Amino acid sequence: MEITVRDDGAGIPAELQPFIFDMFTQGHRTLERAPGGLGIGLSLVRTIVRLHGGTSAVTSAGDGAGSSFRITLPVAPVPPAAVPVPIEGGAACRKILIIEDNVDANELMAMLLAMAGHQVTSSFDGVDGLPVALAGQFDIILCDLGLPGLTGLEVVAALKAARPDDAPFAVATTGYSDRPQRDLARAAGFDHYLVKPLDMPALYRVLAECAA
């Protein structure tokens, strides 16, 4: 089955089209269009379509020429009782704590990880996230660095100090890609570093390595 949705809107530049389904990808905005979304809708579409065995694609002649979005889905679905819960990247089910102050990004990441078979808990700032991390038996913590109250560096440093022998595997999820920030994260106790927008296959590979 194939479904196509077309519009006559702003269009998508050719150089952006290969990345349009990636999380947080957005085109150029004029001032009057500045208060738009976060660029997560099409990433969510691709993820849901893939979970049903389908594909997604986009075509556009460029700025001002509108866009055409096409999804294909298998016409003979497997009976629901026979569909296993997918664990992306070969990872076992993990207990994951997300500490991320961007509500939309937090909820989307939690949903994708839950759809992949993991148990997910969310916190939205460092002050709340640290006691949750200390009290819970999590396998992995995905922690933003720029958190209100307590930064991600402070959260993980305190967690590692309080639980030196059984602290969860800590993954920094941040928009900062420079070497000094990476060094600060490692010094604070982070075990891995991922730059936003997150590459979900890369995250799934990290989860698989943790489960090995």
N, C-alpha and C. Protein backbone atom coordinates (compact mmCIF):
# COMPACT_ATOMS: atom_id res chain seq x y z
N MET A 1 0.85 -1.18 0.00
CA MET A 1 0.00 0.00 0.00
C MET A 1 0.88 1.24 0.00
N GLU A 2 0.49 2.25 -0.79
CA GLU A 2 1.25 3.48 -0.87
C GLU A 2 0.34 4.67 -0.58
N ILE A 3 0.81 5.57 0.25
CA ILE A 3 0.06 6.78 0.59
C ILE A 3 0.94 7.98 0.28
N THR A 4 0.38 8.95 -0.43
CA THR A 4 1.12 10.16 -0.79
C THR A 4 0.37 11.39 -0.30
N VAL A 5 1.10 12.28 0.35
CA VAL A 5 0.53 13.55 0.81
C VAL A 5 1.31 14.68 0.13
N ARG A 6 0.59 15.57 -0.56
CA ARG A 6 1.23 16.67 -1.27
C ARG A 6 0.76 18.00 -0.71
N ASP A 7 1.64 18.99 -0.78
CA ASP A 7 1.24 20.35 -0.41
C ASP A 7 1.85 21.33 -1.41
N ASP A 8 1.36 22.57 -1.36
CA ASP A 8 1.89 23.62 -2.24
C ASP A 8 2.57 24.69 -1.42
N GLY A 9 3.24 24.27 -0.34
CA GLY A 9 3.87 25.19 0.59
C GLY A 9 5.27 25.62 0.20
N ALA A 10 6.11 25.81 1.24
CA ALA A 10 7.42 26.43 1.04
C ALA A 10 8.41 25.55 0.28
N GLY A 11 8.15 24.24 0.23
CA GLY A 11 9.08 23.35 -0.45
C GLY A 11 10.31 23.04 0.40
N ILE A 12 11.14 22.14 -0.10
CA ILE A 12 12.33 21.70 0.64
C ILE A 12 13.53 21.79 -0.29
N PRO A 13 14.57 22.53 0.09
CA PRO A 13 15.77 22.60 -0.75
C PRO A 13 16.38 21.23 -0.98
N ALA A 14 17.01 21.05 -2.14
CA ALA A 14 17.56 19.74 -2.51
C ALA A 14 18.58 19.25 -1.49
N GLU A 15 19.41 20.16 -0.97
CA GLU A 15 20.46 19.73 -0.04
C GLU A 15 19.90 19.26 1.31
N LEU A 16 18.64 19.64 1.63
CA LEU A 16 18.04 19.26 2.91
C LEU A 16 17.24 17.96 2.80
N GLN A 17 16.82 17.59 1.61
CA GLN A 17 15.93 16.45 1.44
C GLN A 17 16.49 15.13 1.97
N PRO A 18 17.79 14.82 1.81
CA PRO A 18 18.29 13.54 2.35
C PRO A 18 18.20 13.44 3.88
N PHE A 19 18.04 14.59 4.55
CA PHE A 19 18.06 14.61 6.02
C PHE A 19 16.71 14.98 6.62
N ILE A 20 15.68 15.14 5.79
CA ILE A 20 14.43 15.72 6.27
C ILE A 20 13.72 14.83 7.29
N PHE A 21 14.00 13.52 7.29
CA PHE A 21 13.38 12.62 8.25
C PHE A 21 14.23 12.43 9.52
N ASP A 22 15.37 13.12 9.60
CA ASP A 22 16.20 13.04 10.80
C ASP A 22 15.60 13.93 11.90
N MET A 23 15.81 13.52 13.16
CA MET A 23 15.26 14.26 14.27
C MET A 23 15.83 15.69 14.32
N PHE A 24 14.94 16.65 14.55
CA PHE A 24 15.25 18.08 14.72
C PHE A 24 15.67 18.78 13.43
N THR A 25 15.56 18.10 12.28
CA THR A 25 15.90 18.76 11.02
C THR A 25 14.81 19.76 10.65
N GLN A 26 15.21 20.98 10.33
CA GLN A 26 14.27 22.02 9.93
C GLN A 26 14.87 22.84 8.80
N GLY A 27 14.00 23.37 7.96
CA GLY A 27 14.45 24.24 6.89
C GLY A 27 14.59 25.67 7.38
N HIS A 28 14.98 26.54 6.46
CA HIS A 28 15.12 27.97 6.78
C HIS A 28 13.78 28.57 7.16
N ARG A 29 13.79 29.45 8.17
CA ARG A 29 12.57 30.12 8.59
C ARG A 29 12.72 31.63 8.45
N THR A 30 11.68 32.24 7.94
CA THR A 30 11.62 33.70 7.97
C THR A 30 11.18 34.13 9.35
N LEU A 31 11.28 35.44 9.63
CA LEU A 31 10.93 35.92 10.96
C LEU A 31 9.47 35.63 11.30
N GLU A 32 8.58 35.74 10.33
CA GLU A 32 7.16 35.51 10.63
C GLU A 32 6.85 34.04 10.88
N ARG A 33 7.77 33.14 10.49
CA ARG A 33 7.55 31.71 10.72
C ARG A 33 8.43 31.19 11.86
N ALA A 34 9.08 32.08 12.60
CA ALA A 34 10.05 31.66 13.61
C ALA A 34 9.48 30.78 14.70
N PRO A 35 8.24 31.00 15.20
CA PRO A 35 7.78 30.19 16.34
C PRO A 35 7.29 28.81 15.94
N GLY A 36 7.97 28.13 15.03
CA GLY A 36 7.53 26.82 14.57
C GLY A 36 7.85 25.71 15.54
N GLY A 37 7.72 24.44 15.06
CA GLY A 37 7.96 23.30 15.92
C GLY A 37 9.44 22.99 16.07
N LEU A 38 9.70 21.76 16.57
CA LEU A 38 11.08 21.38 16.87
C LEU A 38 11.70 20.51 15.79
N GLY A 39 10.94 20.13 14.78
CA GLY A 39 11.49 19.28 13.74
C GLY A 39 11.54 17.81 14.13
N ILE A 40 10.51 17.34 14.84
CA ILE A 40 10.49 15.94 15.27
C ILE A 40 9.38 15.13 14.59
N GLY A 41 8.43 15.81 13.93
CA GLY A 41 7.28 15.11 13.36
C GLY A 41 7.65 14.10 12.30
N LEU A 42 8.49 14.48 11.34
CA LEU A 42 8.84 13.56 10.26
C LEU A 42 9.72 12.42 10.76
N SER A 43 10.56 12.68 11.75
CA SER A 43 11.34 11.59 12.35
C SER A 43 10.42 10.57 12.99
N LEU A 44 9.37 11.05 13.65
CA LEU A 44 8.38 10.15 14.25
C LEU A 44 7.65 9.35 13.18
N VAL A 45 7.30 10.01 12.08
CA VAL A 45 6.64 9.30 10.97
C VAL A 45 7.52 8.16 10.47
N ARG A 46 8.80 8.45 10.21
CA ARG A 46 9.70 7.41 9.69
C ARG A 46 9.82 6.24 10.67
N THR A 47 9.92 6.55 11.96
CA THR A 47 10.07 5.49 12.96
C THR A 47 8.85 4.59 12.99
N ILE A 48 7.66 5.18 13.01
CA ILE A 48 6.43 4.38 13.05
C ILE A 48 6.28 3.55 11.78
N VAL A 49 6.57 4.18 10.63
CA VAL A 49 6.45 3.45 9.36
C VAL A 49 7.43 2.27 9.32
N ARG A 50 8.67 2.47 9.79
CA ARG A 50 9.65 1.39 9.81
C ARG A 50 9.21 0.24 10.72
N LEU A 51 8.62 0.58 11.86
CA LEU A 51 8.16 -0.46 12.78
C LEU A 51 7.06 -1.32 12.15
N HIS A 52 6.38 -0.79 11.15
CA HIS A 52 5.36 -1.55 10.43
C HIS A 52 5.89 -2.14 9.12
N GLY A 53 7.22 -2.10 8.94
CA GLY A 53 7.81 -2.71 7.76
C GLY A 53 7.74 -1.87 6.52
N GLY A 54 7.51 -0.56 6.66
CA GLY A 54 7.36 0.29 5.49
C GLY A 54 8.54 1.22 5.27
N THR A 55 8.38 2.09 4.29
CA THR A 55 9.42 3.07 3.95
C THR A 55 8.78 4.44 3.79
N SER A 56 9.59 5.48 3.89
CA SER A 56 9.11 6.85 3.70
C SER A 56 10.07 7.60 2.79
N ALA A 57 9.53 8.54 2.01
CA ALA A 57 10.36 9.29 1.07
C ALA A 57 9.73 10.66 0.84
N VAL A 58 10.54 11.59 0.37
CA VAL A 58 10.06 12.94 0.07
C VAL A 58 10.62 13.39 -1.27
N THR A 59 9.85 14.17 -2.01
CA THR A 59 10.32 14.83 -3.22
C THR A 59 9.83 16.27 -3.19
N SER A 60 10.66 17.17 -3.69
CA SER A 60 10.29 18.57 -3.78
C SER A 60 11.17 19.23 -4.83
N ALA A 61 10.57 20.14 -5.58
CA ALA A 61 11.33 20.87 -6.60
C ALA A 61 12.11 22.03 -6.00
N GLY A 62 11.96 22.25 -4.67
CA GLY A 62 12.76 23.29 -4.02
C GLY A 62 11.90 24.38 -3.43
N ASP A 63 12.52 25.49 -3.08
CA ASP A 63 11.84 26.59 -2.41
C ASP A 63 10.61 27.06 -3.18
N GLY A 64 9.48 27.14 -2.47
CA GLY A 64 8.25 27.63 -3.05
C GLY A 64 7.52 26.67 -3.94
N ALA A 65 8.02 25.43 -4.08
CA ALA A 65 7.45 24.49 -5.05
C ALA A 65 6.63 23.39 -4.39
N GLY A 66 6.41 23.47 -3.09
CA GLY A 66 5.64 22.43 -2.43
C GLY A 66 6.44 21.15 -2.23
N SER A 67 5.81 20.17 -1.58
CA SER A 67 6.49 18.91 -1.28
C SER A 67 5.52 17.75 -1.43
N SER A 68 6.09 16.58 -1.65
CA SER A 68 5.30 15.36 -1.75
C SER A 68 5.93 14.30 -0.85
N PHE A 69 5.16 13.80 0.11
CA PHE A 69 5.63 12.79 1.05
C PHE A 69 4.93 11.47 0.74
N ARG A 70 5.73 10.41 0.62
CA ARG A 70 5.18 9.10 0.24
C ARG A 70 5.61 8.05 1.26
N ILE A 71 4.65 7.29 1.76
CA ILE A 71 4.97 6.15 2.61
C ILE A 71 4.40 4.90 1.97
N THR A 72 5.14 3.80 2.12
CA THR A 72 4.69 2.49 1.64
C THR A 72 4.61 1.55 2.83
N LEU A 73 3.56 0.73 2.84
CA LEU A 73 3.34 -0.22 3.93
C LEU A 73 2.98 -1.57 3.33
N PRO A 74 3.40 -2.67 3.99
CA PRO A 74 3.05 -4.00 3.48
C PRO A 74 1.54 -4.21 3.52
N VAL A 75 1.00 -4.90 2.52
CA VAL A 75 -0.46 -5.09 2.43
C VAL A 75 -0.93 -6.34 3.16
N ALA A 76 0.00 -7.20 3.57
CA ALA A 76 -0.38 -8.43 4.26
C ALA A 76 0.30 -8.46 5.62
N PRO A 77 -0.23 -7.71 6.62
CA PRO A 77 0.43 -7.63 7.92
C PRO A 77 0.42 -8.96 8.65
N VAL A 78 1.47 -9.17 9.45
CA VAL A 78 1.53 -10.35 10.32
C VAL A 78 0.50 -10.19 11.41
N PRO A 79 -0.22 -11.25 11.78
CA PRO A 79 -1.19 -11.14 12.88
C PRO A 79 -0.53 -10.56 14.12
N PRO A 80 -1.22 -9.65 14.83
CA PRO A 80 -0.61 -8.98 15.98
C PRO A 80 0.02 -9.91 17.00
N ALA A 81 -0.57 -11.07 17.24
CA ALA A 81 -0.04 -11.98 18.25
C ALA A 81 1.32 -12.53 17.87
N ALA A 82 1.64 -12.48 16.56
CA ALA A 82 2.90 -13.05 16.10
C ALA A 82 4.01 -12.01 15.98
N VAL A 83 3.70 -10.73 16.27
CA VAL A 83 4.69 -9.68 16.11
C VAL A 83 5.47 -9.51 17.40
N PRO A 84 6.78 -9.79 17.41
CA PRO A 84 7.56 -9.61 18.63
C PRO A 84 7.83 -8.13 18.89
N VAL A 85 8.08 -7.80 20.14
CA VAL A 85 8.49 -6.43 20.47
C VAL A 85 9.89 -6.22 19.95
N PRO A 86 10.11 -5.21 19.10
CA PRO A 86 11.44 -5.01 18.53
C PRO A 86 12.41 -4.45 19.55
N ILE A 87 13.61 -5.01 19.59
CA ILE A 87 14.69 -4.44 20.39
C ILE A 87 15.74 -3.95 19.41
N GLU A 88 15.78 -2.64 19.21
CA GLU A 88 16.66 -2.08 18.20
C GLU A 88 18.13 -2.36 18.54
N GLY A 89 18.90 -2.64 17.49
CA GLY A 89 20.35 -2.76 17.64
C GLY A 89 20.79 -4.01 18.38
N GLY A 90 19.88 -4.96 18.62
CA GLY A 90 20.27 -6.18 19.29
C GLY A 90 20.41 -6.06 20.79
N ALA A 91 19.98 -4.95 21.38
CA ALA A 91 20.14 -4.76 22.81
C ALA A 91 19.04 -5.47 23.58
N ALA A 92 19.38 -5.97 24.76
CA ALA A 92 18.37 -6.49 25.66
C ALA A 92 17.58 -5.33 26.23
N CYS A 93 16.44 -5.65 26.84
CA CYS A 93 15.64 -4.61 27.48
C CYS A 93 16.44 -3.97 28.60
N ARG A 94 16.55 -2.65 28.57
CA ARG A 94 17.31 -1.91 29.58
C ARG A 94 16.40 -0.96 30.33
N LYS A 95 16.74 -0.70 31.60
CA LYS A 95 16.06 0.32 32.39
C LYS A 95 16.80 1.64 32.20
N ILE A 96 16.12 2.61 31.60
CA ILE A 96 16.76 3.85 31.15
C ILE A 96 16.12 5.05 31.82
N LEU A 97 16.95 5.96 32.32
CA LEU A 97 16.50 7.25 32.84
C LEU A 97 16.93 8.34 31.87
N ILE A 98 15.96 9.13 31.41
CA ILE A 98 16.25 10.28 30.56
C ILE A 98 16.14 11.54 31.41
N ILE A 99 17.20 12.34 31.43
CA ILE A 99 17.16 13.64 32.10
C ILE A 99 17.37 14.70 31.03
N GLU A 100 16.30 15.35 30.64
CA GLU A 100 16.30 16.28 29.49
C GLU A 100 15.22 17.32 29.75
N ASP A 101 15.60 18.62 29.72
CA ASP A 101 14.64 19.66 30.07
C ASP A 101 13.75 20.07 28.91
N ASN A 102 14.10 19.71 27.69
CA ASN A 102 13.21 19.97 26.55
C ASN A 102 12.12 18.90 26.55
N VAL A 103 10.90 19.32 26.89
CA VAL A 103 9.82 18.36 27.11
C VAL A 103 9.54 17.54 25.86
N ASP A 104 9.46 18.19 24.69
CA ASP A 104 9.16 17.47 23.45
C ASP A 104 10.24 16.45 23.12
N ALA A 105 11.51 16.86 23.24
CA ALA A 105 12.61 15.95 22.94
C ALA A 105 12.63 14.78 23.94
N ASN A 106 12.36 15.08 25.20
CA ASN A 106 12.33 14.04 26.23
C ASN A 106 11.24 13.02 25.93
N GLU A 107 10.05 13.51 25.64
CA GLU A 107 8.92 12.61 25.39
C GLU A 107 9.11 11.79 24.13
N LEU A 108 9.68 12.41 23.08
CA LEU A 108 9.92 11.66 21.84
C LEU A 108 10.95 10.56 22.06
N MET A 109 12.05 10.90 22.73
CA MET A 109 13.08 9.90 22.97
C MET A 109 12.53 8.76 23.83
N ALA A 110 11.74 9.11 24.85
CA ALA A 110 11.15 8.09 25.71
C ALA A 110 10.23 7.18 24.92
N MET A 111 9.44 7.76 24.02
CA MET A 111 8.52 6.96 23.22
C MET A 111 9.27 6.01 22.29
N LEU A 112 10.31 6.51 21.62
CA LEU A 112 11.06 5.66 20.70
C LEU A 112 11.76 4.52 21.43
N LEU A 113 12.31 4.81 22.59
CA LEU A 113 12.99 3.76 23.37
C LEU A 113 11.99 2.75 23.91
N ALA A 114 10.82 3.23 24.34
CA ALA A 114 9.78 2.31 24.82
C ALA A 114 9.28 1.43 23.69
N MET A 115 9.12 2.01 22.50
CA MET A 115 8.70 1.23 21.33
C MET A 115 9.74 0.18 20.98
N ALA A 116 11.00 0.44 21.32
CA ALA A 116 12.08 -0.52 21.05
C ALA A 116 12.20 -1.56 22.16
N GLY A 117 11.31 -1.51 23.16
CA GLY A 117 11.27 -2.55 24.17
C GLY A 117 11.95 -2.24 25.48
N HIS A 118 12.38 -0.98 25.68
CA HIS A 118 13.09 -0.62 26.90
C HIS A 118 12.13 -0.01 27.93
N GLN A 119 12.51 -0.07 29.21
CA GLN A 119 11.74 0.55 30.28
C GLN A 119 12.32 1.94 30.54
N VAL A 120 11.49 2.96 30.40
CA VAL A 120 11.99 4.34 30.40
C VAL A 120 11.33 5.16 31.49
N THR A 121 12.14 5.93 32.21
CA THR A 121 11.68 6.93 33.18
C THR A 121 12.23 8.27 32.74
N SER A 122 11.43 9.34 32.90
CA SER A 122 11.86 10.67 32.47
C SER A 122 11.91 11.64 33.63
N SER A 123 12.95 12.47 33.62
CA SER A 123 13.04 13.64 34.49
C SER A 123 13.36 14.84 33.61
N PHE A 124 12.98 16.04 34.09
CA PHE A 124 13.06 17.20 33.22
C PHE A 124 14.00 18.29 33.73
N ASP A 125 14.72 18.03 34.81
CA ASP A 125 15.77 18.95 35.24
C ASP A 125 16.72 18.19 36.15
N GLY A 126 17.86 18.81 36.44
CA GLY A 126 18.88 18.14 37.23
C GLY A 126 18.48 17.95 38.69
N VAL A 127 17.75 18.93 39.24
CA VAL A 127 17.35 18.85 40.65
C VAL A 127 16.44 17.65 40.88
N ASP A 128 15.53 17.40 39.97
CA ASP A 128 14.64 16.24 40.08
C ASP A 128 15.35 14.96 39.64
N GLY A 129 16.20 15.07 38.62
CA GLY A 129 16.81 13.88 38.04
C GLY A 129 17.80 13.18 38.95
N LEU A 130 18.57 13.94 39.73
CA LEU A 130 19.58 13.32 40.59
C LEU A 130 18.98 12.38 41.62
N PRO A 131 17.99 12.80 42.42
CA PRO A 131 17.41 11.84 43.39
C PRO A 131 16.75 10.64 42.72
N VAL A 132 16.16 10.85 41.55
CA VAL A 132 15.58 9.71 40.82
C VAL A 132 16.68 8.73 40.44
N ALA A 133 17.79 9.25 39.95
CA ALA A 133 18.92 8.40 39.57
C ALA A 133 19.50 7.67 40.76
N LEU A 134 19.60 8.36 41.90
CA LEU A 134 20.16 7.74 43.10
C LEU A 134 19.26 6.66 43.66
N ALA A 135 17.95 6.86 43.56
CA ALA A 135 17.00 5.93 44.16
C ALA A 135 16.70 4.73 43.27
N GLY A 136 16.85 4.89 41.96
CA GLY A 136 16.46 3.83 41.04
C GLY A 136 17.60 2.89 40.68
N GLN A 137 17.24 1.75 40.14
CA GLN A 137 18.22 0.78 39.67
C GLN A 137 18.23 0.81 38.15
N PHE A 138 18.81 1.87 37.60
CA PHE A 138 18.83 2.05 36.15
C PHE A 138 20.10 1.44 35.55
N ASP A 139 19.95 0.94 34.34
CA ASP A 139 21.12 0.45 33.60
C ASP A 139 21.86 1.60 32.92
N ILE A 140 21.08 2.56 32.41
CA ILE A 140 21.64 3.63 31.59
C ILE A 140 20.95 4.94 31.92
N ILE A 141 21.72 6.02 31.93
CA ILE A 141 21.17 7.37 32.07
C ILE A 141 21.55 8.16 30.83
N LEU A 142 20.55 8.75 30.18
CA LEU A 142 20.77 9.66 29.07
C LEU A 142 20.56 11.07 29.63
N CYS A 143 21.61 11.85 29.71
CA CYS A 143 21.56 13.11 30.46
C CYS A 143 22.06 14.28 29.61
N ASP A 144 21.21 15.29 29.46
CA ASP A 144 21.62 16.53 28.82
C ASP A 144 22.64 17.24 29.72
N LEU A 145 23.51 18.04 29.12
CA LEU A 145 24.48 18.78 29.91
C LEU A 145 23.92 20.10 30.42
N GLY A 146 23.15 20.80 29.59
CA GLY A 146 22.65 22.11 29.96
C GLY A 146 21.31 22.05 30.63
N LEU A 147 21.28 21.56 31.87
CA LEU A 147 20.03 21.41 32.61
C LEU A 147 19.84 22.56 33.60
N PRO A 148 18.58 22.94 33.88
CA PRO A 148 18.34 23.95 34.92
C PRO A 148 18.55 23.37 36.31
N GLY A 149 18.93 24.21 37.25
CA GLY A 149 19.11 23.76 38.63
C GLY A 149 20.48 23.16 38.85
N LEU A 150 20.64 21.95 38.40
CA LEU A 150 21.93 21.26 38.39
C LEU A 150 22.26 20.90 36.95
N THR A 151 23.47 21.16 36.52
CA THR A 151 23.85 20.77 35.17
C THR A 151 24.01 19.26 35.08
N GLY A 152 24.05 18.76 33.86
CA GLY A 152 24.28 17.33 33.67
C GLY A 152 25.62 16.89 34.23
N LEU A 153 26.62 17.76 34.13
CA LEU A 153 27.94 17.45 34.70
C LEU A 153 27.84 17.25 36.21
N GLU A 154 27.09 18.13 36.88
CA GLU A 154 26.93 18.03 38.33
C GLU A 154 26.12 16.80 38.72
N VAL A 155 25.10 16.49 37.94
CA VAL A 155 24.27 15.32 38.23
C VAL A 155 25.10 14.04 38.19
N VAL A 156 25.83 13.84 37.10
CA VAL A 156 26.58 12.60 36.93
C VAL A 156 27.76 12.53 37.91
N ALA A 157 28.42 13.65 38.16
CA ALA A 157 29.52 13.65 39.12
C ALA A 157 29.02 13.24 40.51
N ALA A 158 27.87 13.78 40.92
CA ALA A 158 27.31 13.43 42.22
C ALA A 158 26.87 11.97 42.26
N LEU A 159 26.28 11.50 41.16
CA LEU A 159 25.83 10.11 41.09
C LEU A 159 27.00 9.15 41.17
N LYS A 160 28.05 9.41 40.42
CA LYS A 160 29.22 8.53 40.43
C LYS A 160 29.91 8.54 41.79
N ALA A 161 29.92 9.72 42.46
CA ALA A 161 30.54 9.79 43.78
C ALA A 161 29.74 9.02 44.82
N ALA A 162 28.40 9.09 44.70
CA ALA A 162 27.55 8.41 45.68
C ALA A 162 27.48 6.91 45.44
N ARG A 163 27.63 6.49 44.19
CA ARG A 163 27.51 5.07 43.87
C ARG A 163 28.69 4.65 42.98
N PRO A 164 29.88 4.64 43.53
CA PRO A 164 31.08 4.38 42.71
C PRO A 164 31.12 2.97 42.13
N ASP A 165 30.46 2.02 42.77
CA ASP A 165 30.57 0.63 42.34
C ASP A 165 29.42 0.17 41.46
N ASP A 166 28.27 0.86 41.52
CA ASP A 166 27.12 0.37 40.75
C ASP A 166 26.37 1.51 40.06
N ALA A 167 27.08 2.58 39.72
CA ALA A 167 26.42 3.69 39.02
C ALA A 167 26.03 3.25 37.61
N PRO A 168 24.90 3.75 37.11
CA PRO A 168 24.49 3.40 35.75
C PRO A 168 25.48 3.91 34.71
N PHE A 169 25.45 3.31 33.53
CA PHE A 169 26.23 3.77 32.39
C PHE A 169 25.66 5.12 31.97
N ALA A 170 26.48 6.16 31.96
CA ALA A 170 26.00 7.53 31.73
C ALA A 170 26.36 8.00 30.33
N VAL A 171 25.35 8.42 29.57
CA VAL A 171 25.54 8.91 28.21
C VAL A 171 25.16 10.38 28.18
N ALA A 172 26.09 11.24 27.80
CA ALA A 172 25.80 12.67 27.63
C ALA A 172 25.07 12.87 26.30
N THR A 173 23.94 13.57 26.34
CA THR A 173 23.19 13.92 25.13
C THR A 173 23.14 15.44 25.07
N THR A 174 23.86 16.04 24.14
CA THR A 174 24.06 17.48 24.18
C THR A 174 24.27 18.07 22.80
N GLY A 175 24.02 19.35 22.68
CA GLY A 175 24.29 20.05 21.43
C GLY A 175 25.72 20.51 21.30
N TYR A 176 26.51 20.35 22.36
CA TYR A 176 27.91 20.79 22.33
C TYR A 176 28.79 19.66 21.79
N SER A 177 29.53 19.96 20.72
CA SER A 177 30.37 18.93 20.11
C SER A 177 31.86 19.19 20.28
N ASP A 178 32.23 20.31 20.93
CA ASP A 178 33.63 20.67 21.00
C ASP A 178 34.39 19.82 22.01
N ARG A 179 35.69 19.73 21.83
CA ARG A 179 36.56 18.89 22.66
C ARG A 179 36.53 19.28 24.14
N PRO A 180 36.56 20.59 24.50
CA PRO A 180 36.53 20.91 25.94
C PRO A 180 35.30 20.36 26.66
N GLN A 181 34.13 20.42 26.01
CA GLN A 181 32.92 19.88 26.64
C GLN A 181 33.01 18.36 26.79
N ARG A 182 33.57 17.70 25.80
CA ARG A 182 33.75 16.25 25.89
C ARG A 182 34.68 15.89 27.05
N ASP A 183 35.75 16.68 27.19
CA ASP A 183 36.68 16.42 28.29
C ASP A 183 36.02 16.64 29.64
N LEU A 184 35.21 17.71 29.76
CA LEU A 184 34.50 17.97 31.01
C LEU A 184 33.52 16.84 31.33
N ALA A 185 32.85 16.34 30.29
CA ALA A 185 31.89 15.24 30.51
C ALA A 185 32.61 13.98 30.99
N ARG A 186 33.72 13.66 30.39
CA ARG A 186 34.47 12.48 30.81
C ARG A 186 34.98 12.65 32.24
N ALA A 187 35.47 13.85 32.57
CA ALA A 187 35.96 14.10 33.92
C ALA A 187 34.84 13.99 34.95
N ALA A 188 33.62 14.34 34.56
CA ALA A 188 32.48 14.25 35.48
C ALA A 188 32.01 12.82 35.68
N GLY A 189 32.40 11.92 34.78
CA GLY A 189 32.02 10.53 34.93
C GLY A 189 31.17 9.96 33.82
N PHE A 190 30.90 10.75 32.78
CA PHE A 190 30.13 10.22 31.66
C PHE A 190 30.94 9.13 30.96
N ASP A 191 30.23 8.08 30.55
CA ASP A 191 30.88 6.95 29.87
C ASP A 191 30.82 7.07 28.35
N HIS A 192 29.89 7.87 27.84
CA HIS A 192 29.75 8.01 26.38
C HIS A 192 29.19 9.40 26.10
N TYR A 193 29.36 9.87 24.85
CA TYR A 193 29.00 11.24 24.49
C TYR A 193 28.31 11.21 23.13
N LEU A 194 27.05 11.69 23.08
CA LEU A 194 26.32 11.77 21.82
C LEU A 194 25.87 13.20 21.60
N VAL A 195 26.02 13.67 20.36
CA VAL A 195 25.70 15.05 20.01
C VAL A 195 24.31 15.12 19.38
N LYS A 196 23.52 16.09 19.81
CA LYS A 196 22.21 16.33 19.21
C LYS A 196 22.36 17.07 17.88
N PRO A 197 21.45 16.84 16.94
CA PRO A 197 20.32 15.92 17.04
C PRO A 197 20.78 14.47 17.10
N LEU A 198 20.15 13.71 18.00
CA LEU A 198 20.60 12.36 18.24
C LEU A 198 20.41 11.47 17.01
N ASP A 199 21.42 10.69 16.73
CA ASP A 199 21.34 9.63 15.72
C ASP A 199 20.84 8.39 16.45
N MET A 200 19.55 8.06 16.27
CA MET A 200 18.97 6.97 17.05
C MET A 200 19.67 5.63 16.78
N PRO A 201 20.05 5.29 15.53
CA PRO A 201 20.82 4.04 15.36
C PRO A 201 22.10 4.03 16.17
N ALA A 202 22.77 5.18 16.29
CA ALA A 202 23.99 5.26 17.11
C ALA A 202 23.65 5.01 18.58
N LEU A 203 22.52 5.57 19.03
CA LEU A 203 22.11 5.33 20.42
C LEU A 203 21.78 3.86 20.64
N TYR A 204 21.10 3.24 19.68
CA TYR A 204 20.78 1.82 19.82
C TYR A 204 22.05 0.98 19.88
N ARG A 205 23.09 1.39 19.13
CA ARG A 205 24.35 0.64 19.19
C ARG A 205 24.99 0.78 20.57
N VAL A 206 24.89 1.97 21.17
CA VAL A 206 25.41 2.15 22.53
C VAL A 206 24.67 1.23 23.50
N LEU A 207 23.34 1.15 23.37
CA LEU A 207 22.56 0.27 24.24
C LEU A 207 22.97 -1.19 24.06
N ALA A 208 23.23 -1.58 22.81
CA ALA A 208 23.64 -2.96 22.55
C ALA A 208 24.98 -3.24 23.18
N GLU A 209 25.90 -2.28 23.11
CA GLU A 209 27.22 -2.47 23.71
C GLU A 209 27.12 -2.58 25.22
N CYS A 210 26.22 -1.81 25.82
CA CYS A 210 26.04 -1.89 27.27
C CYS A 210 25.49 -3.24 27.70
N ALA A 211 24.68 -3.84 26.82
CA ALA A 211 24.08 -5.12 27.16
C ALA A 211 25.00 -6.29 26.92
N ALA A 212 26.10 -6.05 26.19
CA ALA A 212 27.00 -7.15 25.85
C ALA A 212 27.75 -7.67 27.07
